[in-house]
């Protein structure tokens, strides 16, 4: 299991469009991936789950991956968030 914290910097947070990009990227990996805000953890591959967290700009989330390619997956998702979803 591999976990990494990242702060959401884009203006709208993890709302509709950024959340879609995030879940699409998460689905590129075979390992299990979760996103955690405070004490709440949801499947990072689920758009509704990610949206339900209500992550706003400036908030820190934890990306947790477990399985084959876990570190690569978590790092890629953190990079996506850090780049403000620029790709």
N, C-alpha and C. Protein backbone atom coordinates (compact mmCIF):
# COMPACT_ATOMS: atom_id res chain seq x y z
N UNK A 1 0.85 -1.18 0.00
CA UNK A 1 0.00 0.00 0.00
C UNK A 1 0.89 1.24 0.00
N UNK A 2 0.47 2.23 -0.79
CA UNK A 2 1.24 3.47 -0.95
C UNK A 2 0.28 4.64 -0.81
N UNK A 3 0.64 5.63 0.00
CA UNK A 3 -0.22 6.79 0.21
C UNK A 3 0.59 8.07 0.05
N UNK A 4 -0.09 9.09 -0.47
CA UNK A 4 0.58 10.36 -0.69
C UNK A 4 -0.44 11.49 -0.54
N UNK A 5 -0.04 12.56 0.14
CA UNK A 5 -0.92 13.72 0.32
C UNK A 5 -0.65 14.76 -0.75
N UNK A 6 -1.71 15.45 -1.16
CA UNK A 6 -1.58 16.51 -2.16
C UNK A 6 -2.65 17.57 -1.88
N UNK A 7 -2.28 18.84 -2.12
CA UNK A 7 -3.22 19.94 -1.93
C UNK A 7 -3.82 20.32 -3.28
N UNK A 8 -5.13 20.46 -3.28
CA UNK A 8 -5.86 20.83 -4.50
C UNK A 8 -5.72 22.34 -4.69
N UNK A 9 -5.12 22.76 -5.81
CA UNK A 9 -4.82 24.17 -6.04
C UNK A 9 -5.72 24.84 -7.06
N UNK A 10 -6.37 24.06 -7.92
CA UNK A 10 -7.19 24.68 -8.96
C UNK A 10 -8.36 25.42 -8.33
N UNK A 11 -8.91 26.37 -9.06
CA UNK A 11 -9.91 27.30 -8.55
C UNK A 11 -11.19 26.65 -8.05
N UNK A 12 -11.67 25.61 -8.73
CA UNK A 12 -12.97 25.02 -8.36
C UNK A 12 -12.86 23.79 -7.48
N UNK A 13 -11.65 23.33 -7.20
CA UNK A 13 -11.51 22.12 -6.40
C UNK A 13 -11.76 20.88 -7.24
N UNK A 14 -12.21 19.82 -6.61
CA UNK A 14 -12.46 18.56 -7.31
C UNK A 14 -13.95 18.47 -7.65
N UNK A 15 -14.40 19.38 -8.49
CA UNK A 15 -15.79 19.42 -8.93
C UNK A 15 -15.91 18.72 -10.27
N UNK A 16 -17.01 18.91 -10.97
CA UNK A 16 -17.39 18.13 -12.16
C UNK A 16 -16.26 17.84 -13.15
N UNK A 17 -15.73 18.83 -13.81
CA UNK A 17 -14.74 18.57 -14.86
C UNK A 17 -13.42 18.02 -14.30
N UNK A 18 -12.83 18.65 -13.27
CA UNK A 18 -11.60 18.09 -12.71
C UNK A 18 -11.80 16.68 -12.15
N UNK A 19 -12.95 16.44 -11.53
CA UNK A 19 -13.23 15.11 -10.98
C UNK A 19 -13.32 14.07 -12.08
N UNK A 20 -13.85 14.47 -13.23
CA UNK A 20 -13.93 13.56 -14.38
C UNK A 20 -12.53 13.19 -14.86
N UNK A 21 -11.66 14.20 -15.00
CA UNK A 21 -10.28 13.93 -15.40
C UNK A 21 -9.59 13.02 -14.39
N UNK A 22 -9.85 13.27 -13.11
CA UNK A 22 -9.23 12.49 -12.03
C UNK A 22 -9.65 11.03 -12.10
N UNK A 23 -10.95 10.78 -12.25
CA UNK A 23 -11.43 9.39 -12.28
C UNK A 23 -10.98 8.68 -13.55
N UNK A 24 -10.93 9.41 -14.66
CA UNK A 24 -10.44 8.79 -15.90
C UNK A 24 -8.99 8.35 -15.73
N UNK A 25 -8.17 9.19 -15.10
CA UNK A 25 -6.77 8.84 -14.86
C UNK A 25 -6.68 7.65 -13.91
N UNK A 26 -7.48 7.65 -12.86
CA UNK A 26 -7.47 6.55 -11.89
C UNK A 26 -7.83 5.22 -12.55
N UNK A 27 -8.76 5.27 -13.50
CA UNK A 27 -9.19 4.05 -14.18
C UNK A 27 -8.17 3.49 -15.16
N UNK A 28 -7.09 4.22 -15.41
CA UNK A 28 -6.01 3.72 -16.25
C UNK A 28 -5.16 2.68 -15.53
N UNK A 29 -5.33 2.56 -14.22
CA UNK A 29 -4.50 1.66 -13.41
C UNK A 29 -5.33 0.50 -12.88
N UNK A 30 -4.68 -0.65 -12.77
CA UNK A 30 -5.38 -1.87 -12.32
C UNK A 30 -5.47 -1.96 -10.80
N UNK A 31 -4.60 -1.27 -10.08
CA UNK A 31 -4.60 -1.35 -8.62
C UNK A 31 -5.83 -0.66 -8.04
N UNK A 32 -6.10 -0.95 -6.79
CA UNK A 32 -7.19 -0.27 -6.08
C UNK A 32 -6.70 1.11 -5.66
N UNK A 33 -7.54 2.12 -5.86
CA UNK A 33 -7.15 3.49 -5.53
C UNK A 33 -8.29 4.16 -4.78
N UNK A 34 -7.94 4.84 -3.71
CA UNK A 34 -8.92 5.60 -2.93
C UNK A 34 -8.44 7.03 -2.79
N UNK A 35 -9.39 7.92 -2.57
CA UNK A 35 -9.07 9.30 -2.24
C UNK A 35 -9.72 9.57 -0.89
N UNK A 36 -8.96 10.19 0.00
CA UNK A 36 -9.42 10.39 1.37
C UNK A 36 -9.35 11.86 1.74
N UNK A 37 -10.44 12.36 2.29
CA UNK A 37 -10.50 13.73 2.82
C UNK A 37 -10.95 13.63 4.26
N UNK A 38 -10.12 14.13 5.16
CA UNK A 38 -10.35 13.99 6.58
C UNK A 38 -10.51 12.51 6.91
N UNK A 39 -11.63 12.07 7.43
CA UNK A 39 -11.80 10.65 7.78
C UNK A 39 -12.62 9.89 6.75
N UNK A 40 -12.97 10.52 5.64
CA UNK A 40 -13.84 9.89 4.65
C UNK A 40 -13.02 9.39 3.46
N UNK A 41 -13.19 8.14 3.10
CA UNK A 41 -12.45 7.52 2.00
C UNK A 41 -13.43 6.97 0.96
N UNK A 42 -13.16 7.31 -0.33
CA UNK A 42 -14.01 6.81 -1.41
C UNK A 42 -13.14 6.23 -2.52
N UNK A 43 -13.76 5.43 -3.36
CA UNK A 43 -13.08 4.84 -4.51
C UNK A 43 -12.73 5.95 -5.50
N UNK A 44 -11.45 6.09 -5.83
CA UNK A 44 -11.00 7.14 -6.74
C UNK A 44 -11.45 6.89 -8.18
N UNK A 45 -11.93 5.70 -8.45
CA UNK A 45 -12.39 5.36 -9.81
C UNK A 45 -13.88 5.65 -9.99
N UNK A 46 -14.52 6.13 -8.94
CA UNK A 46 -15.95 6.43 -8.96
C UNK A 46 -16.18 7.94 -9.00
N UNK A 47 -16.75 8.43 -10.08
CA UNK A 47 -17.01 9.86 -10.21
C UNK A 47 -17.93 10.35 -9.10
N UNK A 48 -19.01 9.62 -8.83
CA UNK A 48 -19.94 10.03 -7.78
C UNK A 48 -19.26 10.03 -6.40
N UNK A 49 -18.40 9.05 -6.18
CA UNK A 49 -17.67 9.00 -4.92
C UNK A 49 -16.77 10.21 -4.74
N UNK A 50 -16.01 10.53 -5.78
CA UNK A 50 -15.09 11.68 -5.72
C UNK A 50 -15.88 12.97 -5.53
N UNK A 51 -16.96 13.14 -6.27
CA UNK A 51 -17.79 14.34 -6.13
C UNK A 51 -18.39 14.45 -4.74
N UNK A 52 -18.73 13.31 -4.14
CA UNK A 52 -19.37 13.32 -2.82
C UNK A 52 -18.45 13.85 -1.72
N UNK A 53 -17.15 13.84 -1.96
CA UNK A 53 -16.22 14.37 -0.96
C UNK A 53 -16.30 15.89 -0.86
N UNK A 54 -16.70 16.55 -1.94
CA UNK A 54 -16.82 18.01 -1.93
C UNK A 54 -15.49 18.71 -1.68
N UNK A 55 -14.45 18.27 -2.35
CA UNK A 55 -13.11 18.83 -2.15
C UNK A 55 -13.03 20.22 -2.77
N UNK A 56 -12.71 21.21 -1.94
CA UNK A 56 -12.60 22.59 -2.40
C UNK A 56 -11.14 22.96 -2.62
N UNK A 57 -10.93 24.07 -3.31
CA UNK A 57 -9.59 24.57 -3.55
C UNK A 57 -8.90 24.85 -2.21
N UNK A 58 -7.64 24.46 -2.11
CA UNK A 58 -6.87 24.68 -0.89
C UNK A 58 -6.93 23.53 0.10
N UNK A 59 -7.78 22.56 -0.13
CA UNK A 59 -7.89 21.42 0.78
C UNK A 59 -6.87 20.34 0.39
N UNK A 60 -6.43 19.60 1.39
CA UNK A 60 -5.48 18.51 1.16
C UNK A 60 -6.21 17.18 1.21
N UNK A 61 -5.89 16.33 0.25
CA UNK A 61 -6.46 14.99 0.20
C UNK A 61 -5.31 13.98 0.20
N UNK A 62 -5.64 12.76 0.53
CA UNK A 62 -4.66 11.67 0.50
C UNK A 62 -5.08 10.69 -0.59
N UNK A 63 -4.12 10.35 -1.45
CA UNK A 63 -4.34 9.34 -2.48
C UNK A 63 -3.71 8.05 -1.96
N UNK A 64 -4.49 6.99 -1.92
CA UNK A 64 -4.04 5.70 -1.41
C UNK A 64 -4.21 4.66 -2.52
N UNK A 65 -3.13 3.97 -2.83
CA UNK A 65 -3.19 2.94 -3.87
C UNK A 65 -2.64 1.63 -3.31
N UNK A 66 -3.21 0.53 -3.75
CA UNK A 66 -2.79 -0.78 -3.28
C UNK A 66 -2.86 -1.77 -4.43
N UNK A 67 -1.74 -2.43 -4.70
CA UNK A 67 -1.71 -3.42 -5.76
C UNK A 67 -0.62 -3.13 -6.78
N UNK A 68 -0.71 -3.80 -7.91
CA UNK A 68 0.29 -3.67 -8.96
C UNK A 68 0.34 -2.24 -9.50
N UNK A 69 1.48 -1.59 -9.44
CA UNK A 69 1.65 -0.22 -9.93
C UNK A 69 1.12 0.85 -8.99
N UNK A 70 1.02 0.52 -7.71
CA UNK A 70 0.42 1.44 -6.74
C UNK A 70 1.15 2.78 -6.65
N UNK A 71 2.49 2.75 -6.59
CA UNK A 71 3.23 4.01 -6.45
C UNK A 71 3.08 4.87 -7.71
N UNK A 72 3.16 4.25 -8.86
CA UNK A 72 3.01 4.97 -10.13
C UNK A 72 1.62 5.61 -10.21
N UNK A 73 0.60 4.88 -9.82
CA UNK A 73 -0.77 5.39 -9.87
C UNK A 73 -0.95 6.59 -8.94
N UNK A 74 -0.52 6.46 -7.70
CA UNK A 74 -0.68 7.54 -6.72
C UNK A 74 0.11 8.77 -7.15
N UNK A 75 1.33 8.56 -7.62
CA UNK A 75 2.16 9.69 -8.06
C UNK A 75 1.53 10.40 -9.26
N UNK A 76 0.97 9.63 -10.20
CA UNK A 76 0.35 10.22 -11.39
C UNK A 76 -0.88 11.05 -11.02
N UNK A 77 -1.68 10.55 -10.09
CA UNK A 77 -2.87 11.29 -9.66
C UNK A 77 -2.49 12.54 -8.89
N UNK A 78 -1.47 12.45 -8.05
CA UNK A 78 -1.00 13.63 -7.33
C UNK A 78 -0.44 14.67 -8.30
N UNK A 79 0.27 14.21 -9.32
CA UNK A 79 0.81 15.11 -10.33
C UNK A 79 -0.33 15.81 -11.09
N UNK A 80 -1.38 15.07 -11.41
CA UNK A 80 -2.53 15.65 -12.10
C UNK A 80 -3.15 16.76 -11.25
N UNK A 81 -3.32 16.50 -9.96
CA UNK A 81 -3.89 17.51 -9.06
C UNK A 81 -2.94 18.70 -8.92
N UNK A 82 -1.66 18.44 -8.77
CA UNK A 82 -0.66 19.52 -8.61
C UNK A 82 -0.58 20.41 -9.84
N UNK A 83 -0.80 19.82 -11.02
CA UNK A 83 -0.72 20.58 -12.27
C UNK A 83 -1.99 21.37 -12.54
N UNK A 84 -2.92 21.33 -11.57
CA UNK A 84 -4.23 21.99 -11.70
C UNK A 84 -5.00 21.44 -12.90
N UNK A 85 -4.82 20.15 -13.13
CA UNK A 85 -5.53 19.40 -14.17
C UNK A 85 -5.17 19.86 -15.58
N UNK A 86 -3.91 20.28 -15.73
CA UNK A 86 -3.43 20.73 -17.05
C UNK A 86 -3.02 19.54 -17.92
N UNK A 87 -3.03 18.34 -17.36
CA UNK A 87 -2.70 17.17 -18.15
C UNK A 87 -1.60 16.47 -17.52
